């Protein structure tokens, strides 16, 4: 009988692990789609505006022919519209990040109240509608509405997705690995979208890139509905009450991490709308070179994620150092961008920027979950809403502010300023040194004294932890006395590790 109970528990454990992997796939696809949709209109947008201007001005046949030629030229790389169109593009790109920035405080609180599944479903649904509107857009106002709607969906999908990963993967090494995979999908979506959009647009038409993304989004949404029951009440019966987002914002350690995430993403956010123009003026770059400028940087980004995950597993107390090293690399790379004289030289600093961003993100995103575990309540919606706000600050300012800085001060000064900001911020991460050394993480789900295990998975994980540090249990103890031993472990954990909460 006890052997049968042990086999049942092992089967249930494997089932939970399979569900975790499926949830990771769903979240990674959602993040990939969001970043694909963000960047896929880069090679298409200038020709959209050129077509609309030609239609509105009722140009002659010759002028219309010139507009069509301009349309074709812009397919594989960003075009260079007149100044008023440049402003339109900047506002369009920033609208997504601005709305996401405004909604994130509300979405973080909503996620903490209702859980991670319903907000993720809402986010995917809104992103699907946004992608369909993109495909059907015929004027600037419709594109602006679709872009803003995408920001609304991202505020729910991105935050709840990352928070769900942090919640499902409670072990530090597993959490770091899972978040690293998610970051790799974010990078892949951002960097592969412009050539994907340009090529598919040229050979299949302007609606096809969006319709393909909408189909994948719909499939991801259906997969989410099959894996979890977002409208069931069982998962929310004993749900913890998360720390309010305003309290998390004034936590000094979380503030340091948020500042680092914003600072390290500023070079990428500010260079994306300005570097193509600089390449055309200073090195006579061709259209295809401008279209694939960021594509080689995907590989060092994935390498940075891989190295940080491996190093964090062996030396977890140095997470702050990996982030600081990444910011130094970003700063040095940003300063060398203006010195490049050809496309081959430019690839090196751009790869350095993406490699550094991978180090910072992969090291600090798991640190946010760890800080919530040891200083607050282990509910992750609000803390990852803060992380999303940090990214949105950079990407809301980039499309609007970067061009103005280049016009008033110059491209060289922009890069030197961004590089200096990253290098000056790197020593600030020293403040995280003591926090990251608190590796005996006992999250709220493991130290609640009045409650038993929330499920079979928690019971088995506690038995595994107890077996590592104490005499292994027999099968009968595991099958029949798991709840009682769980309570004994909780009492011991609370007595031994109460000092962890003195940080609060």
Protein backbone atom coordinates (compact mmCIF):
# COMPACT_ATOMS: atom_id res chain seq x y z
CA UNK A 1 0.00 0.00 0.00
CA UNK A 2 2.82 2.36 0.88
CA UNK A 3 4.65 1.47 -2.35
CA UNK A 4 1.47 2.25 -4.28
CA UNK A 5 1.23 5.62 -2.52
CA UNK A 6 4.88 6.40 -3.32
CA UNK A 7 4.36 5.53 -6.99
CA UNK A 8 1.26 7.74 -7.10
CA UNK A 9 3.20 10.64 -5.59
CA UNK A 10 6.04 10.23 -8.09
CA UNK A 11 3.57 10.15 -10.97
CA UNK A 12 1.90 13.32 -9.64
CA UNK A 13 5.32 14.96 -9.31
CA UNK A 14 6.13 14.17 -12.94
CA UNK A 15 2.72 15.51 -14.01
CA UNK A 16 3.35 18.79 -12.19
CA UNK A 17 6.79 19.08 -13.83
CA UNK A 18 5.24 18.52 -17.26
CA UNK A 19 2.71 21.24 -16.55
CA UNK A 20 5.50 23.60 -15.50
CA UNK A 21 7.32 23.01 -18.76
CA UNK A 22 4.14 23.61 -20.77
CA UNK A 23 3.51 26.84 -18.88
CA UNK A 24 7.08 27.92 -19.60
CA UNK A 25 6.49 27.26 -23.32
CA UNK A 26 3.23 29.25 -23.27
CA UNK A 27 4.86 32.21 -21.52
CA UNK A 28 7.90 32.16 -23.81
CA UNK A 29 5.67 32.16 -26.91
CA UNK A 30 3.66 35.09 -25.48
CA UNK A 31 6.85 37.10 -24.83
CA UNK A 32 8.18 36.18 -28.27
CA UNK A 33 4.95 37.34 -29.96
CA UNK A 34 4.88 40.61 -28.02
CA UNK A 35 8.40 41.53 -29.10
CA UNK A 36 7.83 40.32 -32.66
CA UNK A 37 4.80 42.57 -32.93
CA UNK A 38 6.75 45.47 -31.42
CA UNK A 39 9.53 45.31 -34.03
CA UNK A 40 7.87 43.78 -37.09
CA UNK A 41 6.60 47.15 -38.37
CA UNK A 42 10.10 48.69 -38.36
CA UNK A 43 10.72 47.93 -42.06
CA UNK A 44 7.05 48.43 -43.00
CA UNK A 45 6.19 51.68 -41.24
CA UNK A 46 7.95 54.20 -43.52
CA UNK A 47 6.27 52.79 -46.60
CA UNK A 48 2.89 52.90 -44.83
CA UNK A 49 3.34 56.63 -44.29
CA UNK A 50 4.59 57.20 -47.83
CA UNK A 51 1.54 55.44 -49.26
CA UNK A 52 -0.87 57.46 -47.10
CA UNK A 53 0.81 60.74 -48.00
CA UNK A 54 0.56 59.89 -51.68
CA UNK A 55 -3.12 59.03 -51.32
CA UNK A 56 -3.98 62.14 -49.34
CA UNK A 57 -2.19 64.57 -51.63
CA UNK A 58 -3.92 63.17 -54.77
CA UNK A 59 -0.58 63.14 -56.48
CA UNK A 60 -0.19 62.72 -60.21
CA UNK A 61 0.64 59.39 -61.77
CA UNK A 62 4.32 60.19 -61.73
CA UNK A 63 4.26 61.07 -58.06
CA UNK A 64 2.30 57.92 -57.25
CA UNK A 65 4.90 55.88 -59.12
CA UNK A 66 7.67 57.51 -57.08
CA UNK A 67 5.77 56.71 -53.88
CA UNK A 68 5.53 53.05 -54.90
CA UNK A 69 9.26 52.97 -55.59
CA UNK A 70 9.91 54.44 -52.16
CA UNK A 71 7.59 51.81 -50.65
CA UNK A 72 9.59 48.97 -52.24
CA UNK A 73 12.91 50.48 -51.18
CA UNK A 74 11.89 50.59 -47.54
CA UNK A 75 10.92 46.93 -47.29
CA UNK A 76 14.20 45.43 -46.08
CA UNK A 77 15.31 48.32 -43.94
CA UNK A 78 14.01 51.40 -42.16
CA UNK A 79 13.28 54.30 -44.46
CA UNK A 80 13.98 57.94 -43.86
CA UNK A 81 10.77 59.94 -44.10
CA UNK A 82 10.53 63.69 -43.77
CA UNK A 83 10.72 65.25 -40.33
CA UNK A 84 6.98 65.30 -39.68
CA UNK A 85 6.74 61.62 -40.60
CA UNK A 86 9.74 60.90 -38.38
CA UNK A 87 7.82 62.41 -35.47
CA UNK A 88 4.78 60.28 -36.36
CA UNK A 89 6.90 57.12 -36.28
CA UNK A 90 8.44 58.12 -32.94
CA UNK A 91 5.05 58.75 -31.34
CA UNK A 92 3.68 55.51 -32.77
CA UNK A 93 6.53 53.44 -31.35
CA UNK A 94 6.41 55.20 -27.97
CA UNK A 95 2.62 54.84 -27.60
CA UNK A 96 2.92 51.13 -26.77
CA UNK A 97 5.47 51.66 -24.01
CA UNK A 98 3.67 54.72 -22.62
CA UNK A 99 0.33 52.93 -22.25
CA UNK A 100 2.09 49.86 -20.85
CA UNK A 101 3.85 52.14 -18.36
CA UNK A 102 0.54 53.64 -17.22
CA UNK A 103 -1.31 50.32 -16.95
CA UNK A 104 1.42 48.30 -15.21
CA UNK A 105 0.74 49.54 -11.64
CA UNK A 106 -2.90 48.49 -12.06
CA UNK A 107 -2.12 45.20 -13.79
CA UNK A 108 0.42 44.26 -11.11
CA UNK A 109 -2.15 44.75 -8.36
CA UNK A 110 -4.78 42.88 -10.39
CA UNK A 111 -2.41 39.94 -10.90
CA UNK A 112 -1.68 39.78 -7.16
CA UNK A 113 -5.42 39.66 -6.43
CA UNK A 114 -6.65 37.10 -8.99
CA UNK A 115 -3.54 35.05 -9.78
CA UNK A 116 -1.44 34.71 -12.93
CA UNK A 117 -3.64 32.69 -15.29
CA UNK A 118 -6.55 35.06 -15.94
CA UNK A 119 -4.29 38.13 -16.59
CA UNK A 120 -2.17 36.04 -19.00
CA UNK A 121 -5.33 34.99 -20.84
CA UNK A 122 -6.52 38.61 -20.96
CA UNK A 123 -3.13 39.76 -22.25
CA UNK A 124 -3.01 37.14 -25.02
CA UNK A 125 -6.57 37.97 -26.08
CA UNK A 126 -5.84 41.70 -26.28
CA UNK A 127 -2.61 41.03 -28.19
CA UNK A 128 -4.55 38.88 -30.67
CA UNK A 129 -7.05 41.69 -31.27
CA UNK A 130 -4.21 44.20 -31.60
CA UNK A 131 -2.48 42.05 -34.23
CA UNK A 132 -5.70 41.72 -36.25
CA UNK A 133 -6.16 45.51 -36.17
CA UNK A 134 -2.56 45.91 -37.38
CA UNK A 135 -3.32 43.64 -40.34
CA UNK A 136 -6.46 45.59 -41.25
CA UNK A 137 -5.08 49.10 -40.61
CA UNK A 138 -5.52 51.56 -43.47
CA UNK A 139 -4.56 54.84 -41.78
CA UNK A 140 -2.31 56.25 -39.07
CA UNK A 141 -5.08 56.52 -36.46
CA UNK A 142 -5.86 52.81 -36.74
CA UNK A 143 -2.20 51.90 -36.44
CA UNK A 144 -1.90 54.13 -33.38
CA UNK A 145 -4.92 52.43 -31.78
CA UNK A 146 -3.48 48.97 -32.54
CA UNK A 147 -0.10 49.95 -31.09
CA UNK A 148 -1.67 51.33 -27.91
CA UNK A 149 -3.87 48.25 -27.58
CA UNK A 150 -0.74 46.12 -27.80
CA UNK A 151 0.66 48.05 -24.82
CA UNK A 152 -2.47 47.20 -22.84
CA UNK A 153 -2.12 43.50 -23.66
CA UNK A 154 1.60 43.52 -22.87
CA UNK A 155 0.99 45.03 -19.44
CA UNK A 156 -1.01 41.92 -18.55
CA UNK A 157 0.73 39.18 -20.59
CA UNK A 158 4.37 40.11 -19.94
CA UNK A 159 3.99 40.79 -16.22
CA UNK A 160 1.79 37.79 -15.43
CA UNK A 161 3.94 35.51 -17.59
CA UNK A 162 7.23 36.37 -15.89
CA UNK A 163 5.52 36.27 -12.47
CA UNK A 164 4.06 32.85 -13.26
CA UNK A 165 7.53 31.50 -14.08
CA UNK A 166 8.88 32.87 -10.79
CA UNK A 167 5.96 31.28 -8.93
CA UNK A 168 6.21 27.85 -10.57
CA UNK A 169 10.00 27.59 -10.29
CA UNK A 170 10.69 28.17 -6.60
CA UNK A 171 14.25 26.79 -6.48
CA UNK A 172 16.77 29.54 -7.24
CA UNK A 173 18.74 27.59 -9.88
CA UNK A 174 15.57 26.42 -11.67
CA UNK A 175 14.08 29.91 -11.54
CA UNK A 176 17.22 31.47 -13.00
CA UNK A 177 17.29 28.91 -15.81
CA UNK A 178 13.60 29.35 -16.65
CA UNK A 179 13.81 33.16 -16.66
CA UNK A 180 16.91 32.89 -18.84
CA UNK A 181 14.95 30.89 -21.40
CA UNK A 182 12.21 33.54 -21.35
CA UNK A 183 14.78 36.30 -21.91
CA UNK A 184 16.22 34.40 -24.88
CA UNK A 185 12.76 34.32 -26.47
CA UNK A 186 12.35 38.06 -25.85
CA UNK A 187 15.66 38.73 -27.60
CA UNK A 188 14.87 36.38 -30.45
CA UNK A 189 11.52 38.06 -31.07
CA UNK A 190 13.01 41.57 -31.06
CA UNK A 191 15.96 40.82 -33.32
CA UNK A 192 14.35 38.49 -35.87
CA UNK A 193 11.18 40.57 -36.36
CA UNK A 194 12.53 43.27 -38.74
CA UNK A 195 13.93 40.84 -41.36
CA UNK A 196 10.88 38.59 -40.91
CA UNK A 197 8.51 41.50 -41.46
CA UNK A 198 10.50 42.92 -44.38
CA UNK A 199 10.86 39.67 -46.32
CA UNK A 200 7.29 38.48 -45.73
CA UNK A 201 5.94 41.93 -46.56
CA UNK A 202 7.84 42.04 -49.84
CA UNK A 203 6.80 38.59 -51.06
CA UNK A 204 3.36 38.09 -49.47
CA UNK A 205 1.90 41.53 -48.78
CA UNK A 206 1.60 43.82 -45.79
CA UNK A 207 -1.17 41.89 -44.00
CA UNK A 208 0.52 38.47 -43.95
CA UNK A 209 3.18 39.15 -41.26
CA UNK A 210 0.47 40.23 -38.83
CA UNK A 211 -1.94 37.41 -39.70
CA UNK A 212 0.77 34.82 -39.06
CA UNK A 213 1.50 36.35 -35.66
CA UNK A 214 -2.23 36.50 -34.87
CA UNK A 215 -2.58 32.79 -35.67
CA UNK A 216 0.30 31.86 -33.37
CA UNK A 217 -1.17 34.08 -30.63
CA UNK A 218 -4.55 32.34 -30.94
CA UNK A 219 -2.91 28.91 -30.71
CA UNK A 220 -0.98 30.00 -27.62
CA UNK A 221 -4.21 31.21 -26.04
CA UNK A 222 -5.95 27.89 -26.74
CA UNK A 223 -2.97 25.98 -25.33
CA UNK A 224 -3.19 28.06 -22.15
CA UNK A 225 -6.86 27.10 -21.76
CA UNK A 226 -6.02 23.40 -22.09
CA UNK A 227 -3.16 23.44 -19.56
CA UNK A 228 -4.76 25.45 -16.77
CA UNK A 229 -8.28 26.27 -15.61
CA UNK A 230 -8.16 30.08 -15.39
CA UNK A 231 -11.76 30.40 -14.20
CA UNK A 232 -11.62 27.73 -11.49
CA UNK A 233 -11.83 28.88 -7.88
CA UNK A 234 -9.74 26.09 -6.38
CA UNK A 235 -6.42 27.75 -7.19
CA UNK A 236 -7.44 31.02 -5.55
CA UNK A 237 -9.05 29.69 -2.37
CA UNK A 238 -5.93 29.99 -0.20
CA UNK A 239 -4.16 32.65 -2.23
CA UNK A 240 -1.66 34.82 -0.40
CA UNK A 241 -2.20 38.58 -0.18
CA UNK A 242 0.69 40.24 -2.00
CA UNK A 243 2.60 43.29 -0.81
CA UNK A 244 1.12 46.49 -2.35
CA UNK A 245 3.09 47.81 -5.29
CA UNK A 246 3.76 51.19 -3.66
CA UNK A 247 5.50 49.43 -0.76
CA UNK A 248 7.62 47.41 -3.16
CA UNK A 249 8.60 50.57 -5.02
CA UNK A 250 10.09 52.14 -1.88
CA UNK A 251 12.05 49.01 -1.00
CA UNK A 252 15.66 50.21 -1.52
CA UNK A 253 16.90 46.92 -2.95
CA UNK A 254 14.05 46.62 -5.46
CA UNK A 255 14.61 50.27 -6.39
CA UNK A 256 18.29 49.56 -7.12
CA UNK A 257 17.35 46.64 -9.39
CA UNK A 258 14.67 48.68 -11.18
CA UNK A 259 17.13 51.50 -11.80
CA UNK A 260 19.66 49.06 -13.25
CA UNK A 261 17.06 47.54 -15.61
CA UNK A 262 16.12 50.99 -16.91
CA UNK A 263 19.72 52.22 -17.28
CA UNK A 264 20.99 49.12 -19.08
CA UNK A 265 18.14 49.18 -21.63
CA UNK A 266 18.51 52.88 -22.48
CA UNK A 267 21.31 52.30 -25.07
CA UNK A 268 19.22 49.72 -26.94
CA UNK A 269 16.04 51.80 -26.73
CA UNK A 270 17.81 55.00 -27.86
CA UNK A 271 19.90 53.43 -30.63
CA UNK A 272 17.06 51.53 -32.33
CA UNK A 273 15.37 54.69 -33.71
CA UNK A 274 18.59 56.62 -34.46
CA UNK A 275 21.34 54.25 -35.58
CA UNK A 276 19.95 53.57 -39.07
CA UNK A 277 19.99 57.27 -39.97
CA UNK A 278 23.53 57.60 -38.60
CA UNK A 279 24.65 54.53 -40.60
CA UNK A 280 23.29 56.00 -43.82
CA UNK A 281 24.92 59.39 -43.29
CA UNK A 282 28.31 58.29 -41.95
CA UNK A 283 29.09 54.95 -43.59
CA UNK A 284 26.76 54.86 -46.59
CA UNK A 285 25.14 51.67 -45.37
CA UNK A 286 22.96 49.74 -47.80
CA UNK A 287 19.31 48.93 -47.20
CA UNK A 288 19.97 45.30 -46.24
CA UNK A 289 22.70 46.35 -43.79
CA UNK A 290 20.30 48.72 -42.05
CA UNK A 291 17.63 46.03 -42.01
CA UNK A 292 19.81 43.40 -40.29
CA UNK A 293 21.79 45.73 -38.03
CA UNK A 294 20.71 44.05 -34.80
CA UNK A 295 20.39 40.48 -36.05
CA UNK A 296 23.99 39.36 -35.25
CA UNK A 297 23.53 40.62 -31.68
CA UNK A 298 21.07 37.80 -30.96
CA UNK A 299 23.87 35.27 -30.59
CA UNK A 300 25.90 37.11 -27.92
CA UNK A 301 22.63 37.82 -26.10
CA UNK A 302 21.86 34.09 -25.90
CA UNK A 303 25.49 33.46 -24.90
CA UNK A 304 25.18 36.02 -22.11
CA UNK A 305 22.00 34.36 -20.83
CA UNK A 306 23.65 30.93 -20.91
CA UNK A 307 26.82 32.06 -19.12
CA UNK A 308 24.90 33.93 -16.43
CA UNK A 309 22.66 30.95 -15.70
CA UNK A 310 25.68 28.64 -15.43
CA UNK A 311 27.64 31.07 -13.24
CA UNK A 312 24.62 31.76 -11.04
CA UNK A 313 24.25 28.01 -10.43
CA UNK A 314 27.89 27.70 -9.30
CA UNK A 315 28.35 31.10 -7.63
CA UNK A 316 24.87 32.33 -6.68
CA UNK A 317 26.19 34.94 -4.24
CA UNK A 318 27.71 36.93 -7.15
CA UNK A 319 24.48 37.86 -8.93
CA UNK A 320 25.13 41.53 -8.20
CA UNK A 321 28.59 41.21 -9.78
CA UNK A 322 27.23 39.72 -13.02
CA UNK A 323 24.83 42.66 -13.28
CA UNK A 324 27.58 45.21 -12.59
CA UNK A 325 29.89 43.55 -15.12
CA UNK A 326 27.11 43.69 -17.71
CA UNK A 327 26.61 47.41 -17.13
CA UNK A 328 30.34 48.07 -17.57
CA UNK A 329 30.31 46.12 -20.85
CA UNK A 330 27.24 48.07 -22.02
CA UNK A 331 28.91 51.37 -21.11
CA UNK A 332 32.15 50.56 -22.91
CA UNK A 333 30.33 49.26 -26.00
CA UNK A 334 28.05 52.29 -26.18
CA UNK A 335 31.02 54.65 -26.11
CA UNK A 336 32.70 52.88 -29.03
CA UNK A 337 29.69 52.92 -31.38
CA UNK A 338 30.45 56.39 -32.87
CA UNK A 339 34.03 55.32 -33.66
CA UNK A 340 32.89 52.63 -36.10
CA UNK A 341 33.47 53.34 -39.77
CA UNK A 342 31.83 50.34 -41.48
CA UNK A 343 29.17 47.71 -40.90
CA UNK A 344 31.63 45.04 -39.76
CA UNK A 345 33.07 47.28 -37.07
CA UNK A 346 29.62 48.34 -35.87
CA UNK A 347 28.56 44.74 -35.19
CA UNK A 348 31.14 44.44 -32.38
CA UNK A 349 29.82 47.16 -30.00
CA UNK A 350 26.20 46.27 -30.75
CA UNK A 351 26.93 42.67 -29.81
CA UNK A 352 28.64 43.98 -26.67
CA UNK A 353 25.54 45.98 -25.71
CA UNK A 354 23.23 42.97 -26.12
CA UNK A 355 25.68 40.69 -24.29
CA UNK A 356 25.76 43.14 -21.37
CA UNK A 357 21.97 43.46 -21.30
CA UNK A 358 21.72 39.66 -21.13
CA UNK A 359 24.03 39.62 -18.10
CA UNK A 360 22.04 42.32 -16.29
CA UNK A 361 18.58 40.93 -17.04
CA UNK A 362 19.45 37.30 -16.32
CA UNK A 363 21.12 38.17 -13.03
CA UNK A 364 18.63 40.72 -11.71
CA UNK A 365 15.21 39.36 -12.72
CA UNK A 366 15.57 36.29 -10.45
CA UNK A 367 16.93 38.64 -7.77
CA UNK A 368 13.62 40.49 -7.76
CA UNK A 369 11.74 37.28 -6.97
CA UNK A 370 14.30 36.43 -4.28
CA UNK A 371 13.90 39.86 -2.68
CA UNK A 372 10.14 39.39 -2.55
CA UNK A 373 10.61 35.95 -1.02
CA UNK A 374 12.85 37.10 1.84
CA UNK A 375 11.52 40.61 2.46
CA UNK A 376 7.84 40.54 1.50
CA UNK A 377 5.16 38.01 0.50
CA UNK A 378 5.90 35.48 -2.26
CA UNK A 379 3.41 36.92 -4.75
CA UNK A 380 5.21 38.20 -7.82
CA UNK A 381 2.72 40.21 -9.90
CA UNK A 382 3.58 43.64 -8.51
CA UNK A 383 7.35 43.18 -8.41
CA UNK A 384 7.48 42.15 -12.06
CA UNK A 385 5.12 44.99 -12.91
CA UNK A 386 7.87 47.22 -11.48
CA UNK A 387 10.40 45.45 -13.72
CA UNK A 388 8.13 46.01 -16.72
CA UNK A 389 7.79 49.68 -15.77
CA UNK A 390 11.58 49.92 -15.74
CA UNK A 391 11.78 48.62 -19.30
CA UNK A 392 8.91 50.84 -20.44
CA UNK A 393 10.58 54.00 -19.14
CA UNK A 394 13.50 53.38 -21.49
CA UNK A 395 11.38 52.40 -24.49
CA UNK A 396 8.86 55.21 -23.99
CA UNK A 397 11.63 57.82 -23.97
CA UNK A 398 13.73 56.26 -26.73
CA UNK A 399 11.65 56.88 -29.87
CA UNK A 400 10.81 60.47 -28.84
CA UNK A 401 13.83 61.74 -26.89
CA UNK A 402 16.69 60.04 -28.75
CA UNK A 403 16.13 61.86 -32.06
CA UNK A 404 15.92 65.22 -30.28
CA UNK A 405 19.21 64.56 -28.47
CA UNK A 406 20.89 63.60 -31.75
CA UNK A 407 19.63 66.79 -33.43
CA UNK A 408 20.59 69.11 -30.57
CA UNK A 409 23.78 67.52 -29.19
CA UNK A 410 24.88 64.91 -31.70
CA UNK A 411 25.07 61.13 -32.04
CA UNK A 412 28.50 60.96 -30.39
CA UNK A 413 27.31 62.81 -27.29
CA UNK A 414 24.25 60.57 -27.04
CA UNK A 415 26.37 57.43 -26.95
CA UNK A 416 28.94 58.85 -24.55
CA UNK A 417 26.17 59.92 -22.18
CA UNK A 418 24.53 56.48 -22.26
CA UNK A 419 27.86 54.73 -21.75
CA UNK A 420 28.82 56.98 -18.85
CA UNK A 421 25.42 56.46 -17.18
CA UNK A 422 25.86 52.67 -17.25
CA UNK A 423 29.41 52.78 -15.92
CA UNK A 424 28.43 55.13 -13.09
CA UNK A 425 25.48 52.96 -12.11
CA UNK A 426 27.46 49.71 -11.99
CA UNK A 427 28.97 50.37 -8.50
CA UNK A 428 25.46 50.99 -7.14
CA UNK A 429 24.80 47.25 -7.48
CA UNK A 430 27.25 46.73 -4.63
CA UNK A 431 24.27 47.54 -2.41
CA UNK A 432 22.82 44.17 -3.42
CA UNK A 433 25.86 42.21 -2.25
CA UNK A 434 24.57 41.28 1.21
CA UNK A 435 21.05 40.55 -0.02
CA UNK A 436 22.27 38.13 -2.66
CA UNK A 437 24.31 36.27 -0.04
CA UNK A 438 21.09 35.38 1.82
CA UNK A 439 20.68 32.19 -0.17
CA UNK A 440 18.65 30.30 2.48
CA UNK A 441 15.48 31.50 0.80
CA UNK A 442 12.31 30.48 2.65
CA UNK A 443 9.45 31.85 0.69
CA UNK A 444 6.06 32.58 2.20
CA UNK A 445 4.63 29.34 0.87
CA UNK A 446 7.26 27.42 2.90
CA UNK A 447 6.93 29.22 6.27
CA UNK A 448 3.21 29.57 6.80
CA UNK A 449 2.75 27.97 10.22
CA UNK A 450 -1.01 27.56 10.22
CA UNK A 451 -1.40 25.90 6.81
CA UNK A 452 -0.42 22.53 5.47
CA UNK A 453 1.12 22.00 2.03
CA UNK A 454 -0.79 23.61 -0.79
CA UNK A 455 -0.55 20.50 -2.92
CA UNK A 456 1.21 17.24 -3.49
CA UNK A 457 4.06 18.97 -5.27
CA UNK A 458 4.86 21.17 -2.24
CA UNK A 459 4.69 18.14 0.07
CA UNK A 460 7.13 16.13 -2.05
CA UNK A 461 9.53 19.08 -2.44
CA UNK A 462 9.59 19.54 1.33
CA UNK A 463 10.30 15.83 1.78
CA UNK A 464 13.18 16.12 -0.70
CA UNK A 465 14.66 19.07 1.19
CA UNK A 466 14.33 17.24 4.49
CA UNK A 467 15.93 14.14 3.00
CA UNK A 468 18.98 16.12 1.88
CA UNK A 469 19.75 17.49 5.31
CA UNK A 470 18.47 14.68 7.58
CA UNK A 471 18.01 10.92 7.65
CA UNK A 472 15.99 9.74 4.66
CA UNK A 473 12.37 8.77 5.35
CA UNK A 474 10.84 5.43 4.65
CA UNK A 475 8.17 4.98 2.05
CA UNK A 476 5.53 4.63 4.73
CA UNK A 477 6.50 7.91 6.32
CA UNK A 478 6.35 9.63 2.96
CA UNK A 479 3.00 8.19 2.09
CA UNK A 480 1.20 8.50 5.41
CA UNK A 481 2.85 11.22 7.49
CA UNK A 482 3.85 13.79 4.88
CA UNK A 483 1.59 16.52 6.25
CA UNK A 484 2.71 16.00 9.85
CA UNK A 485 6.39 16.04 8.90
CA UNK A 486 5.71 19.11 6.75
CA UNK A 487 4.41 20.95 9.82
CA UNK A 488 7.48 19.89 11.81
CA UNK A 489 9.76 21.16 9.04
CA UNK A 490 7.91 24.44 8.91
CA UNK A 491 8.32 24.99 12.64
CA UNK A 492 12.04 24.28 12.43
CA UNK A 493 12.44 26.55 9.40
CA UNK A 494 10.67 29.41 11.10
CA UNK A 495 12.84 29.10 14.22
CA UNK A 496 16.12 28.76 12.33
CA UNK A 497 15.56 31.42 9.70
CA UNK A 498 13.63 34.11 11.47
CA UNK A 499 16.73 36.27 11.14
CA UNK A 500 16.10 36.49 7.39
CA UNK A 501 13.10 38.72 8.05
CA UNK A 502 15.12 41.22 10.04
CA UNK A 503 15.96 42.74 6.65
CA UNK A 504 12.34 43.85 6.43
